[in-house]
Amino acid sequence: MTAAFIVGAASAARALGYRRAAAIIESEKLDAEGVINLFSFSAPKARWRDAALILLAGSVVRYRSQPEGWSSEPERRLVLDLLCQHGLDEDHLKCVTKRASALVAKTWPQIERQLRVPA
């Protein structure tokens, strides 16, 4: 997984109040499936919605940092699977994608600083 996904996903997790999850995403360099697995053990009822938002935020950051050759996969597929498991359809994907884009835009200065720091 790219550094941009990790930074974006961790930033979104932090913004949603999942500070420990953000630290795990960063330290373990979790990919999209790793984030899903991490949130499958979380207690809050909204965890699946938050996991979807975090995955899409990571994807948006990947796009904003390197749009050439970008693909929304595997995040899009994983989020659609999550939504379908909870009786939601692709229309909800658009809503979550808008929220993820807005979250990334709001936190972009911090994300951009983190992307500039060598790993």
PDB file of N, CA and C in Angstrom:
ATOM      1  N   MET A   1       0.855  -1.175   0.000  1.00  0.00           N
ATOM      2  CA  MET A   1       0.000   0.000   0.000  1.00  0.00           C
ATOM      3  C   MET A   1       0.893   1.228   0.000  1.00  0.00           C
ATOM      4  N   THR A   2       0.388   2.264  -0.605  1.00  0.00           N
ATOM      5  CA  THR A   2       1.189   3.468  -0.715  1.00  0.00           C
ATOM      6  C   THR A   2       1.194   4.260   0.583  1.00  0.00           C
ATOM      7  N   ALA A   3       2.235   5.048   0.746  1.00  0.00           N
ATOM      8  CA  ALA A   3       2.332   5.926   1.915  1.00  0.00           C
ATOM      9  C   ALA A   3       1.164   6.904   1.939  1.00  0.00           C
ATOM     10  N   ALA A   4       0.718   7.341   0.770  1.00  0.00           N
ATOM     11  CA  ALA A   4      -0.391   8.289   0.703  1.00  0.00           C
ATOM     12  C   ALA A   4      -1.664   7.676   1.285  1.00  0.00           C
ATOM     13  N   PHE A   5      -1.942   6.418   0.974  1.00  0.00           N
ATOM     14  CA  PHE A   5      -3.126   5.764   1.542  1.00  0.00           C
ATOM     15  C   PHE A   5      -3.015   5.722   3.059  1.00  0.00           C
ATOM     16  N   ILE A   6      -1.868   5.322   3.559  1.00  0.00           N
ATOM     17  CA  ILE A   6      -1.664   5.180   5.005  1.00  0.00           C
ATOM     18  C   ILE A   6      -1.854   6.524   5.697  1.00  0.00           C
ATOM     19  N   VAL A   7      -1.249   7.573   5.155  1.00  0.00           N
ATOM     20  CA  VAL A   7      -1.382   8.905   5.748  1.00  0.00           C
ATOM     21  C   VAL A   7      -2.839   9.358   5.710  1.00  0.00           C
ATOM     22  N   GLY A   8      -3.502   9.166   4.585  1.00  0.00           N
ATOM     23  CA  GLY A   8      -4.899   9.577   4.452  1.00  0.00           C
ATOM     24  C   GLY A   8      -5.824   8.806   5.373  1.00  0.00           C
ATOM     25  N   ALA A   9      -5.650   7.498   5.434  1.00  0.00           N
ATOM     26  CA  ALA A   9      -6.492   6.672   6.296  1.00  0.00           C
ATOM     27  C   ALA A   9      -6.262   7.009   7.769  1.00  0.00           C
ATOM     28  N   ALA A  10      -5.012   7.163   8.159  1.00  0.00           N
ATOM     29  CA  ALA A  10      -4.706   7.501   9.553  1.00  0.00           C
ATOM     30  C   ALA A  10      -5.248   8.885   9.910  1.00  0.00           C
ATOM     31  N   SER A  11      -5.126   9.831   8.997  1.00  0.00           N
ATOM     32  CA  SER A  11      -5.645  11.175   9.234  1.00  0.00           C
ATOM     33  C   SER A  11      -7.160  11.151   9.423  1.00  0.00           C
ATOM     34  N   ALA A  12      -7.851  10.402   8.574  1.00  0.00           N
ATOM     35  CA  ALA A  12      -9.305  10.289   8.698  1.00  0.00           C
ATOM     36  C   ALA A  12      -9.687   9.600  10.007  1.00  0.00           C
ATOM     37  N   ALA A  13      -8.978   8.542  10.360  1.00  0.00           N
ATOM     38  CA  ALA A  13      -9.260   7.844  11.619  1.00  0.00           C
ATOM     39  C   ALA A  13      -9.089   8.797  12.803  1.00  0.00           C
ATOM     40  N   ARG A  14      -8.025   9.563  12.776  1.00  0.00           N
ATOM     41  CA  ARG A  14      -7.769  10.529  13.847  1.00  0.00           C
ATOM     42  C   ARG A  14      -8.887  11.576  13.911  1.00  0.00           C
ATOM     43  N   ALA A  15      -9.293  12.085  12.752  1.00  0.00           N
ATOM     44  CA  ALA A  15     -10.346  13.102  12.694  1.00  0.00           C
ATOM     45  C   ALA A  15     -11.679  12.558  13.215  1.00  0.00           C
ATOM     46  N   LEU A  16     -11.898  11.255  13.078  1.00  0.00           N
ATOM     47  CA  LEU A  16     -13.136  10.636  13.552  1.00  0.00           C
ATOM     48  C   LEU A  16     -13.044  10.188  15.009  1.00  0.00           C
ATOM     49  N   GLY A  17     -11.901  10.436  15.642  1.00  0.00           N
ATOM     50  CA  GLY A  17     -11.736  10.092  17.053  1.00  0.00           C
ATOM     51  C   GLY A  17     -11.100   8.745  17.318  1.00  0.00           C
ATOM     52  N   TYR A  18     -10.624   8.091  16.303  1.00  0.00           N
ATOM     53  CA  TYR A  18      -9.972   6.783  16.459  1.00  0.00           C
ATOM     54  C   TYR A  18      -8.457   6.969  16.519  1.00  0.00           C
ATOM     55  N   ARG A  19      -7.978   7.574  17.583  1.00  0.00           N
ATOM     56  CA  ARG A  19      -6.544   7.875  17.699  1.00  0.00           C
ATOM     57  C   ARG A  19      -5.692   6.607  17.741  1.00  0.00           C
ATOM     58  N   ARG A  20      -6.136   5.615  18.486  1.00  0.00           N
ATOM     59  CA  ARG A  20      -5.367   4.365  18.577  1.00  0.00           C
ATOM     60  C   ARG A  20      -5.359   3.638  17.226  1.00  0.00           C
ATOM     61  N   ALA A  21      -6.494   3.623  16.559  1.00  0.00           N
ATOM     62  CA  ALA A  21      -6.556   2.990  15.236  1.00  0.00           C
ATOM     63  C   ALA A  21      -5.635   3.720  14.266  1.00  0.00           C
ATOM     64  N   ALA A  22      -5.598   5.042  14.343  1.00  0.00           N
ATOM     65  CA  ALA A  22      -4.708   5.821  13.470  1.00  0.00           C
ATOM     66  C   ALA A  22      -3.251   5.423  13.708  1.00  0.00           C
ATOM     67  N   ALA A  23      -2.894   5.282  14.969  1.00  0.00           N
ATOM     68  CA  ALA A  23      -1.517   4.886  15.299  1.00  0.00           C
ATOM     69  C   ALA A  23      -1.206   3.489  14.763  1.00  0.00           C
ATOM     70  N   ILE A  24      -2.165   2.589  14.841  1.00  0.00           N
ATOM     71  CA  ILE A  24      -1.960   1.232  14.329  1.00  0.00           C
ATOM     72  C   ILE A  24      -1.838   1.247  12.806  1.00  0.00           C
ATOM     73  N   ILE A  25      -2.685   2.013  12.136  1.00  0.00           N
ATOM     74  CA  ILE A  25      -2.609   2.122  10.678  1.00  0.00           C
ATOM     75  C   ILE A  25      -1.217   2.582  10.262  1.00  0.00           C
ATOM     76  N   GLU A  26      -0.689   3.579  10.980  1.00  0.00           N
ATOM     77  CA  GLU A  26       0.640   4.114  10.647  1.00  0.00           C
ATOM     78  C   GLU A  26       1.756   3.141  11.003  1.00  0.00           C
ATOM     79  N   SER A  27       1.727   2.615  12.208  1.00  0.00           N
ATOM     80  CA  SER A  27       2.845   1.759  12.642  1.00  0.00           C
ATOM     81  C   SER A  27       2.886   0.429  11.896  1.00  0.00           C
ATOM     82  N   GLU A  28       1.711  -0.129  11.616  1.00  0.00           N
ATOM     83  CA  GLU A  28       1.653  -1.414  10.918  1.00  0.00           C
ATOM     84  C   GLU A  28       1.586  -1.259   9.403  1.00  0.00           C
ATOM     85  N   LYS A  29       1.495  -0.005   8.937  1.00  0.00           N
ATOM     86  CA  LYS A  29       1.386   0.285   7.503  1.00  0.00           C
ATOM     87  C   LYS A  29       0.266  -0.555   6.870  1.00  0.00           C
ATOM     88  N   LEU A  30      -0.919  -0.434   7.480  1.00  0.00           N
ATOM     89  CA  LEU A  30      -2.054  -1.244   7.038  1.00  0.00           C
ATOM     90  C   LEU A  30      -2.528  -0.842   5.652  1.00  0.00           C
ATOM     91  N   ASP A  31      -2.889  -1.840   4.875  1.00  0.00           N
ATOM     92  CA  ASP A  31      -3.524  -1.597   3.585  1.00  0.00           C
ATOM     93  C   ASP A  31      -5.035  -1.550   3.817  1.00  0.00           C
ATOM     94  N   ALA A  32      -5.813  -1.448   2.743  1.00  0.00           N
ATOM     95  CA  ALA A  32      -7.258  -1.315   2.861  1.00  0.00           C
ATOM     96  C   ALA A  32      -7.885  -2.506   3.600  1.00  0.00           C
ATOM     97  N   GLU A  33      -7.460  -3.709   3.261  1.00  0.00           N
ATOM     98  CA  GLU A  33      -8.015  -4.886   3.940  1.00  0.00           C
ATOM     99  C   GLU A  33      -7.605  -4.925   5.408  1.00  0.00           C
ATOM    100  N   GLY A  34      -6.404  -4.456   5.706  1.00  0.00           N
ATOM    101  CA  GLY A  34      -5.965  -4.379   7.092  1.00  0.00           C
ATOM    102  C   GLY A  34      -6.818  -3.415   7.907  1.00  0.00           C
ATOM    103  N   VAL A  35      -7.219  -2.316   7.292  1.00  0.00           N
ATOM    104  CA  VAL A  35      -8.092  -1.352   7.977  1.00  0.00           C
ATOM    105  C   VAL A  35      -9.452  -2.002   8.253  1.00  0.00           C
ATOM    106  N   ILE A  36      -9.983  -2.720   7.266  1.00  0.00           N
ATOM    107  CA  ILE A  36     -11.260  -3.426   7.464  1.00  0.00           C
ATOM    108  C   ILE A  36     -11.134  -4.409   8.627  1.00  0.00           C
ATOM    109  N   ASN A  37     -10.063  -5.170   8.652  1.00  0.00           N
ATOM    110  CA  ASN A  37      -9.848  -6.131   9.738  1.00  0.00           C
ATOM    111  C   ASN A  37      -9.739  -5.430  11.083  1.00  0.00           C
ATOM    112  N   LEU A  38      -9.021  -4.330  11.139  1.00  0.00           N
ATOM    113  CA  LEU A  38      -8.871  -3.569  12.375  1.00  0.00           C
ATOM    114  C   LEU A  38     -10.238  -3.121  12.900  1.00  0.00           C
ATOM    115  N   PHE A  39     -11.075  -2.618  12.011  1.00  0.00           N
ATOM    116  CA  PHE A  39     -12.380  -2.115  12.439  1.00  0.00           C
ATOM    117  C   PHE A  39     -13.392  -3.225  12.687  1.00  0.00           C
ATOM    118  N   SER A  40     -13.133  -4.411  12.235  1.00  0.00           N
ATOM    119  CA  SER A  40     -14.055  -5.509  12.512  1.00  0.00           C
ATOM    120  C   SER A  40     -14.018  -5.893  13.988  1.00  0.00           C
ATOM    121  N   PHE A  41     -12.970  -5.494  14.701  1.00  0.00           N
ATOM    122  CA  PHE A  41     -12.852  -5.777  16.129  1.00  0.00           C
ATOM    123  C   PHE A  41     -13.286  -4.598  16.998  1.00  0.00           C
ATOM    124  N   SER A  42     -13.721  -3.520  16.357  1.00  0.00           N
ATOM    125  CA  SER A  42     -14.103  -2.309  17.071  1.00  0.00           C
ATOM    126  C   SER A  42     -15.524  -2.443  17.618  1.00  0.00           C
ATOM    127  N   ALA A  43     -15.798  -1.830  18.752  1.00  0.00           N
ATOM    128  CA  ALA A  43     -17.098  -1.956  19.404  1.00  0.00           C
ATOM    129  C   ALA A  43     -18.190  -1.021  18.874  1.00  0.00           C
ATOM    130  N   PRO A  44     -17.902   0.227  18.505  1.00  0.00           N
ATOM    131  CA  PRO A  44     -18.996   1.134  18.133  1.00  0.00           C
ATOM    132  C   PRO A  44     -19.850   0.620  16.975  1.00  0.00           C
ATOM    133  N   LYS A  45     -21.152   0.883  17.065  1.00  0.00           N
ATOM    134  CA  LYS A  45     -22.066   0.437  16.011  1.00  0.00           C
ATOM    135  C   LYS A  45     -21.738   1.080  14.669  1.00  0.00           C
ATOM    136  N   ALA A  46     -21.217   2.285  14.685  1.00  0.00           N
ATOM    137  CA  ALA A  46     -20.918   3.012  13.441  1.00  0.00           C
ATOM    138  C   ALA A  46     -19.575   2.620  12.845  1.00  0.00           C
ATOM    139  N   ARG A  47     -18.926   1.601  13.378  1.00  0.00           N
ATOM    140  CA  ARG A  47     -17.565   1.272  12.934  1.00  0.00           C
ATOM    141  C   ARG A  47     -17.482   0.974  11.452  1.00  0.00           C
ATOM    142  N   TRP A  48     -18.471   0.320  10.910  1.00  0.00           N
ATOM    143  CA  TRP A  48     -18.419  -0.018   9.481  1.00  0.00           C
ATOM    144  C   TRP A  48     -18.538   1.228   8.623  1.00  0.00           C
ATOM    145  N   ARG A  49     -19.373   2.198   9.061  1.00  0.00           N
ATOM    146  CA  ARG A  49     -19.473   3.466   8.316  1.00  0.00           C
ATOM    147  C   ARG A  49     -18.158   4.229   8.406  1.00  0.00           C
ATOM    148  N   ASP A  50     -17.583   4.239   9.592  1.00  0.00           N
ATOM    149  CA  ASP A  50     -16.309   4.925   9.780  1.00  0.00           C
ATOM    150  C   ASP A  50     -15.200   4.247   8.990  1.00  0.00           C
ATOM    151  N   ALA A  51     -15.200   2.923   8.979  1.00  0.00           N
ATOM    152  CA  ALA A  51     -14.196   2.193   8.196  1.00  0.00           C
ATOM    153  C   ALA A  51     -14.322   2.534   6.718  1.00  0.00           C
ATOM    154  N   ALA A  52     -15.547   2.613   6.213  1.00  0.00           N
ATOM    155  CA  ALA A  52     -15.763   2.979   4.805  1.00  0.00           C
ATOM    156  C   ALA A  52     -15.224   4.375   4.524  1.00  0.00           C
ATOM    157  N   LEU A  53     -15.504   5.306   5.407  1.00  0.00           N
ATOM    158  CA  LEU A  53     -15.026   6.679   5.237  1.00  0.00           C
ATOM    159  C   LEU A  53     -13.500   6.737   5.280  1.00  0.00           C
ATOM    160  N   ILE A  54     -12.902   5.997   6.175  1.00  0.00           N
ATOM    161  CA  ILE A  54     -11.444   5.968   6.312  1.00  0.00           C
ATOM    162  C   ILE A  54     -10.792   5.376   5.053  1.00  0.00           C
ATOM    163  N   LEU A  55     -11.360   4.297   4.538  1.00  0.00           N
ATOM    164  CA  LEU A  55     -10.820   3.700   3.306  1.00  0.00           C
ATOM    165  C   LEU A  55     -10.890   4.678   2.139  1.00  0.00           C
ATOM    166  N   LEU A  56     -12.026   5.330   1.982  1.00  0.00           N
ATOM    167  CA  LEU A  56     -12.175   6.255   0.858  1.00  0.00           C
ATOM    168  C   LEU A  56     -11.306   7.489   1.032  1.00  0.00           C
ATOM    169  N   ALA A  57     -11.107   7.942   2.263  1.00  0.00           N
ATOM    170  CA  ALA A  57     -10.198   9.068   2.492  1.00  0.00           C
ATOM    171  C   ALA A  57      -8.780   8.683   2.073  1.00  0.00           C
ATOM    172  N   GLY A  58      -8.363   7.474   2.395  1.00  0.00           N
ATOM    173  CA  GLY A  58      -7.048   7.001   1.957  1.00  0.00           C
ATOM    174  C   GLY A  58      -6.939   6.985   0.443  1.00  0.00           C
ATOM    175  N   SER A  59      -8.003   6.568  -0.221  1.00  0.00           N
ATOM    176  CA  SER A  59      -8.021   6.539  -1.686  1.00  0.00           C
ATOM    177  C   SER A  59      -7.970   7.944  -2.272  1.00  0.00           C
ATOM    178  N   VAL A  60      -8.706   8.866  -1.665  1.00  0.00           N
ATOM    179  CA  VAL A  60      -8.703  10.263  -2.135  1.00  0.00           C
ATOM    180  C   VAL A  60      -7.311  10.867  -1.984  1.00  0.00           C
ATOM    181  N   VAL A  61      -6.648  10.579  -0.883  1.00  0.00           N
ATOM    182  CA  VAL A  61      -5.283  11.096  -0.689  1.00  0.00           C
ATOM    183  C   VAL A  61      -4.335  10.490  -1.713  1.00  0.00           C
ATOM    184  N   ARG A  62      -4.499   9.213  -2.008  1.00  0.00           N
ATOM    185  CA  ARG A  62      -3.673   8.613  -3.076  1.00  0.00           C
ATOM    186  C   ARG A  62      -3.876   9.362  -4.380  1.00  0.00           C
ATOM    187  N   TYR A  63      -5.125   9.679  -4.693  1.00  0.00           N
ATOM    188  CA  TYR A  63      -5.413  10.406  -5.931  1.00  0.00           C
ATOM    189  C   TYR A  63      -4.815  11.811  -5.909  1.00  0.00           C
ATOM    190  N   ARG A  64      -5.019  12.532  -4.806  1.00  0.00           N
ATOM    191  CA  ARG A  64      -4.530  13.913  -4.739  1.00  0.00           C
ATOM    192  C   ARG A  64      -3.011  13.977  -4.771  1.00  0.00           C
ATOM    193  N   SER A  65      -2.354  12.967  -4.259  1.00  0.00           N
ATOM    194  CA  SER A  65      -0.890  12.992  -4.230  1.00  0.00           C
ATOM    195  C   SER A  65      -0.273  12.483  -5.527  1.00  0.00           C
ATOM    196  N   GLN A  66      -0.986  11.624  -6.250  1.00  0.00           N
ATOM    197  CA  GLN A  66      -0.451  11.092  -7.508  1.00  0.00           C
ATOM    198  C   GLN A  66      -1.603  10.635  -8.410  1.00  0.00           C
ATOM    199  N   PRO A  67      -2.223  11.589  -9.128  1.00  0.00           N
ATOM    200  CA  PRO A  67      -3.399  11.250  -9.931  1.00  0.00           C
ATOM    201  C   PRO A  67      -3.107  10.367 -11.152  1.00  0.00           C
ATOM    202  N   GLU A  68      -1.902  10.436 -11.678  1.00  0.00           N
ATOM    203  CA  GLU A  68      -1.577   9.613 -12.848  1.00  0.00           C
ATOM    204  C   GLU A  68      -1.599   8.138 -12.464  1.00  0.00           C
ATOM    205  N   GLY A  69      -2.373   7.364 -13.205  1.00  0.00           N
ATOM    206  CA  GLY A  69      -2.438   5.932 -12.969  1.00  0.00           C
ATOM    207  C   GLY A  69      -3.262   5.530 -11.755  1.00  0.00           C
ATOM    208  N   TRP A  70      -3.954   6.477 -11.148  1.00  0.00           N
ATOM    209  CA  TRP A  70      -4.742   6.181  -9.959  1.00  0.00           C
ATOM    210  C   TRP A  70      -5.912   5.267 -10.288  1.00  0.00           C
ATOM    211  N   SER A  71      -6.225   4.392  -9.380  1.00  0.00           N
ATOM    212  CA  SER A  71      -7.414   3.547  -9.453  1.00  0.00           C
ATOM    213  C   SER A  71      -8.064   3.570  -8.080  1.00  0.00           C
ATOM    214  N   SER A  72      -9.376   3.524  -8.060  1.00  0.00           N
ATOM    215  CA  SER A  72     -10.089   3.532  -6.778  1.00  0.00           C
ATOM    216  C   SER A  72     -10.092   2.155  -6.109  1.00  0.00           C
ATOM    217  N   GLU A  73      -9.531   1.185  -6.788  1.00  0.00           N
ATOM    218  CA  GLU A  73      -9.495  -0.170  -6.238  1.00  0.00           C
ATOM    219  C   GLU A  73      -8.260  -0.351  -5.368  1.00  0.00           C
ATOM    220  N   PRO A  74      -8.281  -1.126  -4.334  1.00  0.00           N
ATOM    221  CA  PRO A  74      -9.337  -2.025  -3.881  1.00  0.00           C
ATOM    222  C   PRO A  74     -10.354  -1.360  -2.947  1.00  0.00           C
ATOM    223  N   GLU A  75     -10.117  -0.092  -2.584  1.00  0.00           N
ATOM    224  CA  GLU A  75     -10.969   0.557  -1.598  1.00  0.00           C
ATOM    225  C   GLU A  75     -12.444   0.575  -2.021  1.00  0.00           C
ATOM    226  N   ARG A  76     -12.708   0.896  -3.275  1.00  0.00           N
ATOM    227  CA  ARG A  76     -14.089   0.981  -3.753  1.00  0.00           C
ATOM    228  C   ARG A  76     -14.812  -0.351  -3.580  1.00  0.00           C
ATOM    229  N   ARG A  77     -14.165  -1.421  -3.963  1.00  0.00           N
ATOM    230  CA  ARG A  77     -14.765  -2.755  -3.856  1.00  0.00           C
ATOM    231  C   ARG A  77     -15.037  -3.109  -2.391  1.00  0.00           C
ATOM    232  N   LEU A  78     -14.081  -2.825  -1.520  1.00  0.00           N
ATOM    233  CA  LEU A  78     -14.246  -3.139  -0.103  1.00  0.00           C
ATOM    234  C   LEU A  78     -15.373  -2.313   0.518  1.00  0.00           C
ATOM    235  N   VAL A  79     -15.459  -1.040   0.149  1.00  0.00           N
ATOM    236  CA  VAL A  79     -16.524  -0.187   0.684  1.00  0.00           C
ATOM    237  C   VAL A  79     -17.889  -0.657   0.167  1.00  0.00           C
ATOM    238  N   LEU A  80     -17.967  -1.000  -1.108  1.00  0.00           N
ATOM    239  CA  LEU A  80     -19.234  -1.527  -1.642  1.00  0.00           C
ATOM    240  C   LEU A  80     -19.648  -2.808  -0.914  1.00  0.00           C
ATOM    241  N   ASP A  81     -18.690  -3.669  -0.622  1.00  0.00           N
ATOM    242  CA  ASP A  81     -18.990  -4.887   0.133  1.00  0.00           C
ATOM    243  C   ASP A  81     -19.542  -4.545   1.515  1.00  0.00           C
ATOM    244  N   LEU A  82     -18.910  -3.582   2.189  1.00  0.00           N
ATOM    245  CA  LEU A  82     -19.382  -3.147   3.506  1.00  0.00           C
ATOM    246  C   LEU A  82     -20.807  -2.610   3.431  1.00  0.00           C
ATOM    247  N   LEU A  83     -21.045  -1.746   2.454  1.00  0.00           N
ATOM    248  CA  LEU A  83     -22.374  -1.154   2.301  1.00  0.00           C
ATOM    249  C   LEU A  83     -23.426  -2.224   2.021  1.00  0.00           C
ATOM    250  N   CYS A  84     -23.104  -3.146   1.135  1.00  0.00           N
ATOM    251  CA  CYS A  84     -24.050  -4.215   0.797  1.00  0.00           C
ATOM    252  C   CYS A  84     -24.357  -5.093   2.007  1.00  0.00           C
ATOM    253  N   GLN A  85     -23.358  -5.344   2.841  1.00  0.00           N
ATOM    254  CA  GLN A  85     -23.564  -6.141   4.048  1.00  0.00           C
ATOM    255  C   GLN A  85     -24.562  -5.475   4.995  1.00  0.00           C
ATOM    256  N   HIS A  86     -24.700  -4.167   4.874  1.00  0.00           N
ATOM    257  CA  HIS A  86     -25.608  -3.419   5.753  1.00  0.00           C
ATOM    258  C   HIS A  86     -26.832  -2.897   5.009  1.00  0.00           C
ATOM    259  N   GLY A  87     -27.141  -3.519   3.884  1.00  0.00           N
ATOM    260  CA  GLY A  87     -28.362  -3.201   3.160  1.00  0.00           C
ATOM    261  C   GLY A  87     -28.346  -1.890   2.393  1.00  0.00           C
ATOM    262  N   LEU A  88     -27.168  -1.360   2.124  1.00  0.00           N
ATOM    263  CA  LEU A  88     -27.062  -0.102   1.387  1.00  0.00           C
ATOM    264  C   LEU A  88     -26.555  -0.372  -0.022  1.00  0.00           C
ATOM    265  N   ASP A  89     -26.774   0.586  -0.905  1.00  0.00           N
ATOM    266  CA  ASP A  89     -26.401   0.391  -2.302  1.00  0.00           C
ATOM    267  C   ASP A  89     -25.337   1.395  -2.748  1.00  0.00           C
ATOM    268  N   GLU A  90     -25.089   1.397  -4.051  1.00  0.00           N
ATOM    269  CA  GLU A  90     -24.037   2.239  -4.619  1.00  0.00           C
ATOM    270  C   GLU A  90     -24.321   3.729  -4.460  1.00  0.00           C
ATOM    271  N   ASP A  91     -25.588   4.112  -4.305  1.00  0.00           N
ATOM    272  CA  ASP A  91     -25.904   5.526  -4.060  1.00  0.00           C
ATOM    273  C   ASP A  91     -25.263   6.005  -2.765  1.00  0.00           C
ATOM    274  N   HIS A  92     -25.203   5.129  -1.781  1.00  0.00           N
ATOM    275  CA  HIS A  92     -24.566   5.488  -0.513  1.00  0.00           C
ATOM    276  C   HIS A  92     -23.057   5.633  -0.669  1.00  0.00           C
ATOM    277  N   LEU A  93     -22.496   4.905  -1.627  1.00  0.00           N
ATOM    278  CA  LEU A  93     -21.065   5.046  -1.908  1.00  0.00           C
ATOM    279  C   LEU A  93     -20.761   6.483  -2.316  1.00  0.00           C
ATOM    280  N   LYS A  94     -21.607   7.067  -3.128  1.00  0.00           N
ATOM    281  CA  LYS A  94     -21.411   8.462  -3.551  1.00  0.00           C
ATOM    282  C   LYS A  94     -21.434   9.393  -2.353  1.00  0.00           C
ATOM    283  N   CYS A  95     -22.350   9.171  -1.441  1.00  0.00           N
ATOM    284  CA  CYS A  95     -22.457  10.007  -0.235  1.00  0.00           C
ATOM    285  C   CYS A  95     -21.200   9.881   0.626  1.00  0.00           C
ATOM    286  N   VAL A  96     -20.742   8.658   0.848  1.00  0.00           N
ATOM    287  CA  VAL A  96     -19.545   8.436   1.670  1.00  0.00           C
ATOM    288  C   VAL A  96     -18.315   9.013   0.976  1.00  0.00           C
ATOM    289  N   THR A  97     -18.262   8.904  -0.340  1.00  0.00           N
ATOM    290  CA  THR A  97     -17.143   9.452  -1.104  1.00  0.00           C
ATOM    291  C   THR A  97     -17.092  10.973  -0.962  1.00  0.00           C
ATOM    292  N   LYS A  98     -18.239  11.620  -1.002  1.00  0.00           N
ATOM    293  CA  LYS A  98     -18.285  13.080  -0.812  1.00  0.00           C
ATOM    294  C   LYS A  98     -17.805  13.458   0.577  1.00  0.00           C
ATOM    295  N   ARG A  99     -18.226  12.697   1.577  1.00  0.00           N
ATOM    296  CA  ARG A  99     -17.775  12.968   2.951  1.00  0.00           C
ATOM    297  C   ARG A  99     -16.267  12.774   3.084  1.00  0.00           C
ATOM    298  N   ALA A 100     -15.751  11.715   2.454  1.00  0.00           N
ATOM    299  CA  ALA A 100     -14.312  11.452   2.511  1.00  0.00           C
ATOM    300  C   ALA A 100     -13.538  12.566   1.820  1.00  0.00           C
ATOM    301  N   SER A 101     -14.023  13.015   0.682  1.00  0.00           N
ATOM    302  CA  SER A 101     -13.362  14.109  -0.047  1.00  0.00           C
ATOM    303  C   SER A 101     -13.359  15.384   0.780  1.00  0.00           C
ATOM    304  N   ALA A 102     -14.480  15.677   1.432  1.00  0.00           N
ATOM    305  CA  ALA A 102     -14.569  16.876   2.268  1.00  0.00           C
ATOM    306  C   ALA A 102     -13.623  16.775   3.469  1.00  0.00           C
ATOM    307  N   LEU A 103     -13.535  15.597   4.063  1.00  0.00           N
ATOM    308  CA  LEU A 103     -12.632  15.389   5.191  1.00  0.00           C
ATOM    309  C   LEU A 103     -11.179  15.571   4.769  1.00  0.00           C
ATOM    310  N   VAL A 104     -10.826  15.028   3.612  1.00  0.00           N
ATOM    311  CA  VAL A 104      -9.454  15.188   3.107  1.00  0.00           C
ATOM    312  C   VAL A 104      -9.169  16.657   2.814  1.00  0.00           C
ATOM    313  N   ALA A 105     -10.116  17.343   2.188  1.00  0.00           N
ATOM    314  CA  ALA A 105      -9.914  18.766   1.889  1.00  0.00           C
ATOM    315  C   ALA A 105      -9.697  19.567   3.170  1.00  0.00           C
ATOM    316  N   LYS A 106     -10.453  19.247   4.203  1.00  0.00           N
ATOM    317  CA  LYS A 106     -10.342  19.955   5.482  1.00  0.00           C
ATOM    318  C   LYS A 106      -8.986  19.728   6.154  1.00  0.00           C
ATOM    319  N   THR A 107      -8.459  18.533   6.020  1.00  0.00           N
ATOM    320  CA  THR A 107      -7.207  18.184   6.704  1.00  0.00           C
ATOM    321  C   THR A 107      -6.005  18.153   5.763  1.00  0.00           C
ATOM    322  N   TRP A 108      -6.195  18.606   4.519  1.00  0.00           N
ATOM    323  CA  TRP A 108      -5.134  18.509   3.519  1.00  0.00           C
ATOM    324  C   TRP A 108      -3.807  19.139   3.944  1.00  0.00           C
ATOM    325  N   PRO A 109      -3.781  20.319   4.556  1.00  0.00           N
ATOM    326  CA  PRO A 109      -2.468  20.876   4.933  1.00  0.00           C
ATOM    327  C   PRO A 109      -1.654  19.935   5.826  1.00  0.00           C
ATOM    328  N   GLN A 110      -2.301  19.310   6.804  1.00  0.00           N
ATOM    329  CA  GLN A 110      -1.589  18.370   7.678  1.00  0.00           C
ATOM    330  C   GLN A 110      -1.162  17.123   6.898  1.00  0.00           C
ATOM    331  N   ILE A 111      -2.046  16.638   6.039  1.00  0.00           N
ATOM    332  CA  ILE A 111      -1.733  15.447   5.239  1.00  0.00           C
ATOM    333  C   ILE A 111      -0.543  15.742   4.329  1.00  0.00           C
ATOM    334  N   GLU A 112      -0.579  16.884   3.678  1.00  0.00           N
ATOM    335  CA  GLU A 112       0.504  17.256   2.759  1.00  0.00           C
ATOM    336  C   GLU A 112       1.839  17.355   3.493  1.00  0.00           C
ATOM    337  N   ARG A 113       1.843  17.898   4.707  1.00  0.00           N
ATOM    338  CA  ARG A 113       3.081  17.959   5.498  1.00  0.00           C
ATOM    339  C   ARG A 113       3.605  16.561   5.803  1.00  0.00           C
ATOM    340  N   GLN A 114       2.717  15.661   6.141  1.00  0.00           N
ATOM    341  CA  GLN A 114       3.134  14.292   6.460  1.00  0.00           C
ATOM    342  C   GLN A 114       3.676  13.584   5.217  1.00  0.00           C
ATOM    343  N   LEU A 115       3.099  13.869   4.058  1.00  0.00           N
ATOM    344  CA  LEU A 115       3.567  13.235   2.827  1.00  0.00           C
ATOM    345  C   LEU A 115       4.954  13.700   2.453  1.00  0.00           C
ATOM    346  N   ARG A 116       5.323  14.904   2.863  1.00  0.00           N
ATOM    347  CA  ARG A 116       6.650  15.446   2.544  1.00  0.00           C
ATOM    348  C   ARG A 116       7.744  14.904   3.446  1.00  0.00           C
ATOM    349  N   VAL A 117       7.370  14.371   4.605  1.00  0.00           N
ATOM    350  CA  VAL A 117       8.357  13.848   5.548  1.00  0.00           C
ATOM    351  C   VAL A 117       8.833  12.488   5.046  1.00  0.00           C
ATOM    352  N   PRO A 118      10.147  12.320   4.864  1.00  0.00           N
ATOM    353  CA  PRO A 118      10.654  11.016   4.391  1.00  0.00           C
ATOM    354  C   PRO A 118      10.364   9.914   5.399  1.00  0.00           C
ATOM    355  N   ALA A 119      10.000   8.758   4.875  1.00  0.00           N
ATOM    356  CA  ALA A 119       9.657   7.615   5.753  1.00  0.00           C
ATOM    357  C   ALA A 119      10.879   6.962   6.322  1.00  0.00           C
TER     358      ALA A 119
END
